Amino acid sequence: MTTVTIPGSLVNKRKKHFLGMPAPAGYVAGVGRGATGFTTRSDIGPARDSTDLPELPPAGPTKKAR
C-alpha cells in the first residue's frame, strides 16, 4: 500500500481532524466539562400554581350602549 503525503499548503489548518468521525465508545457529551445533564421547562413544572391566577371579571359585552 502506498502512502500519499499531502503538502502542508493544501491542508486546511482550521478544520478539526475529528469532525465527521464517530464518537468513542462510552463518550457522553459535556461530562468532561462538569455537565451532568440538562433541564427543560417541562422538568421544572408550571411557573405558578393554578390557584395563583388573578381573578378576572366575567366576560360580557364589550360594546358601549348608545
N, C-alpha and C. Protein backbone atom coordinates (compact mmCIF):
# COMPACT_ATOMS: atom_id res chain seq x y z
N MET A 1 0.85 -1.18 0.00
CA MET A 1 0.00 0.00 0.00
C MET A 1 0.89 1.24 0.00
N THR A 2 0.54 2.19 -0.80
CA THR A 2 1.34 3.40 -0.94
C THR A 2 0.71 4.52 -0.12
N THR A 3 1.52 5.21 0.64
CA THR A 3 1.02 6.36 1.39
C THR A 3 1.26 7.62 0.59
N VAL A 4 0.30 8.50 0.63
CA VAL A 4 0.40 9.75 -0.12
C VAL A 4 0.58 10.88 0.89
N THR A 5 1.59 11.68 0.67
CA THR A 5 1.84 12.83 1.53
C THR A 5 1.19 14.06 0.90
N ILE A 6 0.37 14.72 1.67
CA ILE A 6 -0.31 15.92 1.19
C ILE A 6 0.52 17.13 1.61
N PRO A 7 0.84 18.01 0.67
CA PRO A 7 1.62 19.20 1.03
C PRO A 7 0.89 20.05 2.07
N GLY A 8 1.64 20.64 2.97
CA GLY A 8 1.07 21.45 4.04
C GLY A 8 0.23 22.61 3.54
N SER A 9 0.53 23.12 2.36
CA SER A 9 -0.23 24.24 1.83
C SER A 9 -1.64 23.83 1.41
N LEU A 10 -1.87 22.53 1.21
CA LEU A 10 -3.20 22.06 0.81
C LEU A 10 -4.05 21.59 1.98
N VAL A 11 -3.48 21.54 3.17
CA VAL A 11 -4.21 21.06 4.34
C VAL A 11 -4.92 22.23 4.99
N ASN A 12 -6.19 22.05 5.30
CA ASN A 12 -6.96 23.10 5.98
C ASN A 12 -6.61 23.05 7.47
N LYS A 13 -5.86 24.01 7.94
CA LYS A 13 -5.40 24.00 9.33
C LYS A 13 -6.50 24.38 10.31
N ARG A 14 -7.60 24.94 9.84
CA ARG A 14 -8.68 25.35 10.73
C ARG A 14 -9.69 24.24 10.97
N LYS A 15 -9.72 23.23 10.10
CA LYS A 15 -10.67 22.14 10.25
C LYS A 15 -10.16 21.15 11.28
N LYS A 16 -11.03 20.75 12.19
CA LYS A 16 -10.66 19.80 13.24
C LYS A 16 -10.59 18.40 12.64
N HIS A 17 -9.59 17.62 13.02
CA HIS A 17 -9.38 16.29 12.44
C HIS A 17 -10.45 15.29 12.85
N PHE A 18 -11.17 15.55 13.96
CA PHE A 18 -12.15 14.58 14.46
C PHE A 18 -13.56 14.80 13.90
N LEU A 19 -13.78 15.87 13.15
CA LEU A 19 -15.12 16.11 12.60
C LEU A 19 -15.47 15.03 11.59
N GLY A 20 -16.68 14.54 11.66
CA GLY A 20 -17.13 13.50 10.74
C GLY A 20 -16.80 12.10 11.21
N MET A 21 -16.14 11.98 12.35
CA MET A 21 -15.79 10.65 12.88
C MET A 21 -16.79 10.28 13.97
N PRO A 22 -17.02 8.99 14.19
CA PRO A 22 -17.92 8.58 15.28
C PRO A 22 -17.28 8.85 16.64
N ALA A 23 -18.11 9.06 17.64
CA ALA A 23 -17.62 9.30 19.00
C ALA A 23 -17.04 8.02 19.58
N PRO A 24 -16.08 8.13 20.48
CA PRO A 24 -15.52 6.93 21.12
C PRO A 24 -16.57 6.20 21.94
N ALA A 25 -16.37 4.92 22.17
CA ALA A 25 -17.31 4.13 22.98
C ALA A 25 -17.36 4.70 24.39
N GLY A 26 -18.55 4.86 24.93
CA GLY A 26 -18.72 5.37 26.29
C GLY A 26 -18.66 6.88 26.40
N TYR A 27 -18.54 7.58 25.29
CA TYR A 27 -18.45 9.04 25.32
C TYR A 27 -19.80 9.66 25.64
N VAL A 28 -19.81 10.59 26.58
CA VAL A 28 -21.01 11.36 26.91
C VAL A 28 -20.65 12.83 26.76
N ALA A 29 -21.33 13.51 25.87
CA ALA A 29 -21.01 14.90 25.57
C ALA A 29 -21.12 15.78 26.81
N GLY A 30 -20.10 16.59 27.06
CA GLY A 30 -20.13 17.57 28.13
C GLY A 30 -19.70 17.08 29.49
N VAL A 31 -19.58 15.78 29.71
CA VAL A 31 -19.27 15.28 31.05
C VAL A 31 -17.87 15.72 31.49
N GLY A 32 -16.93 15.78 30.59
CA GLY A 32 -15.58 16.21 30.95
C GLY A 32 -15.51 17.65 31.39
N ARG A 33 -16.52 18.44 31.05
CA ARG A 33 -16.55 19.85 31.45
C ARG A 33 -17.46 20.06 32.65
N GLY A 34 -17.87 19.00 33.31
CA GLY A 34 -18.69 19.14 34.51
C GLY A 34 -20.19 19.09 34.26
N ALA A 35 -20.60 18.92 33.02
CA ALA A 35 -22.02 18.86 32.73
C ALA A 35 -22.58 17.51 33.17
N THR A 36 -23.76 17.53 33.76
CA THR A 36 -24.36 16.27 34.20
C THR A 36 -25.70 16.02 33.53
N GLY A 37 -26.20 16.95 32.78
CA GLY A 37 -27.50 16.78 32.12
C GLY A 37 -28.06 18.15 31.78
N PHE A 38 -29.28 18.17 31.37
CA PHE A 38 -29.91 19.44 31.08
C PHE A 38 -31.33 19.41 31.60
N THR A 39 -31.90 20.57 31.82
CA THR A 39 -33.24 20.70 32.37
C THR A 39 -34.08 21.53 31.42
N THR A 40 -35.30 21.08 31.21
CA THR A 40 -36.23 21.84 30.39
C THR A 40 -37.34 22.39 31.27
N ARG A 41 -38.17 23.25 30.71
CA ARG A 41 -39.28 23.79 31.49
C ARG A 41 -40.24 22.69 31.91
N SER A 42 -40.35 21.65 31.12
CA SER A 42 -41.24 20.54 31.47
C SER A 42 -40.74 19.80 32.70
N ASP A 43 -39.43 19.76 32.89
CA ASP A 43 -38.87 19.11 34.08
C ASP A 43 -39.16 19.91 35.34
N ILE A 44 -39.17 21.22 35.23
CA ILE A 44 -39.35 22.08 36.39
C ILE A 44 -40.81 22.15 36.80
N GLY A 45 -41.70 22.25 35.84
CA GLY A 45 -43.13 22.35 36.13
C GLY A 45 -43.65 23.73 35.80
N PRO A 46 -44.92 23.97 36.13
CA PRO A 46 -45.51 25.27 35.80
C PRO A 46 -44.85 26.39 36.61
N ALA A 47 -44.89 27.59 36.07
CA ALA A 47 -44.26 28.73 36.74
C ALA A 47 -45.00 29.10 38.02
N ARG A 48 -46.29 28.85 38.06
CA ARG A 48 -47.06 29.15 39.27
C ARG A 48 -48.21 28.17 39.38
N ASP A 49 -48.74 28.03 40.58
CA ASP A 49 -49.87 27.13 40.80
C ASP A 49 -51.12 27.69 40.13
N SER A 50 -52.06 26.82 39.83
CA SER A 50 -53.30 27.28 39.21
C SER A 50 -54.12 28.11 40.19
N THR A 51 -53.87 28.00 41.49
CA THR A 51 -54.60 28.81 42.48
C THR A 51 -54.04 30.23 42.55
N ASP A 52 -52.89 30.48 41.95
CA ASP A 52 -52.29 31.81 41.98
C ASP A 52 -52.75 32.70 40.83
N LEU A 53 -53.62 32.22 39.98
CA LEU A 53 -54.06 33.00 38.83
C LEU A 53 -54.91 34.18 39.30
N PRO A 54 -54.78 35.34 38.65
CA PRO A 54 -55.57 36.51 39.07
C PRO A 54 -57.05 36.31 38.75
N GLU A 55 -57.87 36.95 39.56
CA GLU A 55 -59.32 36.90 39.32
C GLU A 55 -59.66 37.81 38.15
N LEU A 56 -60.40 37.29 37.19
CA LEU A 56 -60.82 38.07 36.03
C LEU A 56 -62.31 38.34 36.14
N PRO A 57 -62.75 39.54 35.72
CA PRO A 57 -64.19 39.80 35.74
C PRO A 57 -64.89 38.90 34.73
N PRO A 58 -66.17 38.60 34.96
CA PRO A 58 -66.89 37.76 34.00
C PRO A 58 -66.92 38.42 32.62
N ALA A 59 -66.81 37.61 31.60
CA ALA A 59 -66.82 38.13 30.23
C ALA A 59 -68.22 38.59 29.89
N GLY A 60 -68.32 39.76 29.36
CA GLY A 60 -69.61 40.32 28.98
C GLY A 60 -69.47 41.09 27.69
N PRO A 61 -70.55 41.75 27.28
CA PRO A 61 -70.46 42.54 26.04
C PRO A 61 -69.46 43.68 26.21
N THR A 62 -68.71 43.95 25.15
CA THR A 62 -67.71 45.00 25.22
C THR A 62 -68.16 46.27 24.52
N LYS A 63 -69.33 46.25 23.86
CA LYS A 63 -69.82 47.44 23.17
C LYS A 63 -70.43 48.40 24.18
N LYS A 64 -70.23 49.68 23.93
CA LYS A 64 -70.82 50.70 24.79
C LYS A 64 -72.26 50.95 24.34
N ALA A 65 -73.14 51.19 25.30
CA ALA A 65 -74.54 51.50 24.98
C ALA A 65 -74.62 52.91 24.43
N ARG A 66 -75.54 53.14 23.50
CA ARG A 66 -75.72 54.49 22.93
C ARG A 66 -76.72 55.27 23.68
